[in-house]
């Protein structure tokens, strides 16, 4: 007699569809006002900020 193999990654029993319970994206994160800024930097300031950007990656 062959043994029946069971897999734990497959659903067992009757499947039911769940109601969408997540809120829409607009309710997840509140909107924030944005402001455009123009900034003049020297060469060393630009290199410093580029170094910070590479550090975060």
C-alpha atoms as a PDB file:
ATOM      1  CA  UNK A   1       0.000   0.000   0.000  1.00  0.00           C
ATOM      2  CA  UNK A   2       1.336   3.465  -0.904  1.00  0.00           C
ATOM      3  CA  UNK A   3       1.512   6.190   1.696  1.00  0.00           C
ATOM      4  CA  UNK A   4      -0.332   9.397   0.918  1.00  0.00           C
ATOM      5  CA  UNK A   5       2.072  12.350   1.046  1.00  0.00           C
ATOM      6  CA  UNK A   6       0.850  15.644   2.422  1.00  0.00           C
ATOM      7  CA  UNK A   7       2.356  19.021   1.738  1.00  0.00           C
ATOM      8  CA  UNK A   8       2.072  21.769   4.348  1.00  0.00           C
ATOM      9  CA  UNK A   9       2.324  24.573   1.772  1.00  0.00           C
ATOM     10  CA  UNK A  10      -0.978  23.696   0.099  1.00  0.00           C
ATOM     11  CA  UNK A  11      -4.381  24.758   1.477  1.00  0.00           C
ATOM     12  CA  UNK A  12      -6.403  22.133   3.306  1.00  0.00           C
ATOM     13  CA  UNK A  13     -10.191  22.148   3.354  1.00  0.00           C
ATOM     14  CA  UNK A  14     -12.736  24.409   1.706  1.00  0.00           C
ATOM     15  CA  UNK A  15     -11.463  27.798   0.488  1.00  0.00           C
ATOM     16  CA  UNK A  16     -13.405  30.976   1.175  1.00  0.00           C
ATOM     17  CA  UNK A  17     -12.957  34.457  -0.276  1.00  0.00           C
ATOM     18  CA  UNK A  18     -12.212  37.127   2.323  1.00  0.00           C
ATOM     19  CA  UNK A  19     -13.558  40.656   2.158  1.00  0.00           C
ATOM     20  CA  UNK A  20     -10.938  43.305   1.277  1.00  0.00           C
ATOM     21  CA  UNK A  21      -9.919  44.545   4.729  1.00  0.00           C
ATOM     22  CA  UNK A  22      -7.069  46.917   3.835  1.00  0.00           C
ATOM     23  CA  UNK A  23      -7.821  50.645   3.657  1.00  0.00           C
ATOM     24  CA  UNK A  24      -7.132  52.505   0.413  1.00  0.00           C
ATOM     25  CA  UNK A  25      -3.606  53.966   0.028  1.00  0.00           C
ATOM     26  CA  UNK A  26      -4.909  57.495   0.589  1.00  0.00           C
ATOM     27  CA  UNK A  27      -5.826  56.508   4.155  1.00  0.00           C
ATOM     28  CA  UNK A  28      -2.568  54.686   4.933  1.00  0.00           C
ATOM     29  CA  UNK A  29      -0.244  57.703   4.802  1.00  0.00           C
ATOM     30  CA  UNK A  30      -1.519  61.225   5.369  1.00  0.00           C
ATOM     31  CA  UNK A  31      -0.688  63.669   2.588  1.00  0.00           C
ATOM     32  CA  UNK A  32       1.914  66.283   3.349  1.00  0.00           C
ATOM     33  CA  UNK A  33       2.442  69.653   1.713  1.00  0.00           C
ATOM     34  CA  UNK A  34       5.566  69.837  -0.424  1.00  0.00           C
ATOM     35  CA  UNK A  35       7.769  72.811  -1.189  1.00  0.00           C
ATOM     36  CA  UNK A  36      10.240  73.165  -4.043  1.00  0.00           C
ATOM     37  CA  UNK A  37      13.612  74.562  -3.052  1.00  0.00           C
ATOM     38  CA  UNK A  38      16.476  75.809  -5.216  1.00  0.00           C
ATOM     39  CA  UNK A  39      19.851  75.458  -3.555  1.00  0.00           C
ATOM     40  CA  UNK A  40      23.291  76.625  -4.633  1.00  0.00           C
ATOM     41  CA  UNK A  41      26.084  74.435  -3.242  1.00  0.00           C
ATOM     42  CA  UNK A  42      29.815  74.465  -3.602  1.00  0.00           C
ATOM     43  CA  UNK A  43      31.755  71.510  -4.983  1.00  0.00           C
ATOM     44  CA  UNK A  44      32.641  70.170  -1.516  1.00  0.00           C
ATOM     45  CA  UNK A  45      29.008  70.356  -0.373  1.00  0.00           C
ATOM     46  CA  UNK A  46      27.850  68.386  -3.397  1.00  0.00           C
ATOM     47  CA  UNK A  47      30.521  65.723  -2.867  1.00  0.00           C
ATOM     48  CA  UNK A  48      29.543  65.459   0.819  1.00  0.00           C
ATOM     49  CA  UNK A  49      25.870  64.916  -0.035  1.00  0.00           C
ATOM     50  CA  UNK A  50      26.751  62.378  -2.731  1.00  0.00           C
ATOM     51  CA  UNK A  51      28.785  60.508  -0.112  1.00  0.00           C
ATOM     52  CA  UNK A  52      25.748  60.418   2.196  1.00  0.00           C
ATOM     53  CA  UNK A  53      23.619  59.062  -0.627  1.00  0.00           C
ATOM     54  CA  UNK A  54      26.122  56.261  -1.307  1.00  0.00           C
ATOM     55  CA  UNK A  55      26.296  55.480   2.422  1.00  0.00           C
ATOM     56  CA  UNK A  56      22.514  54.846   2.627  1.00  0.00           C
ATOM     57  CA  UNK A  57      22.484  52.406  -0.301  1.00  0.00           C
END
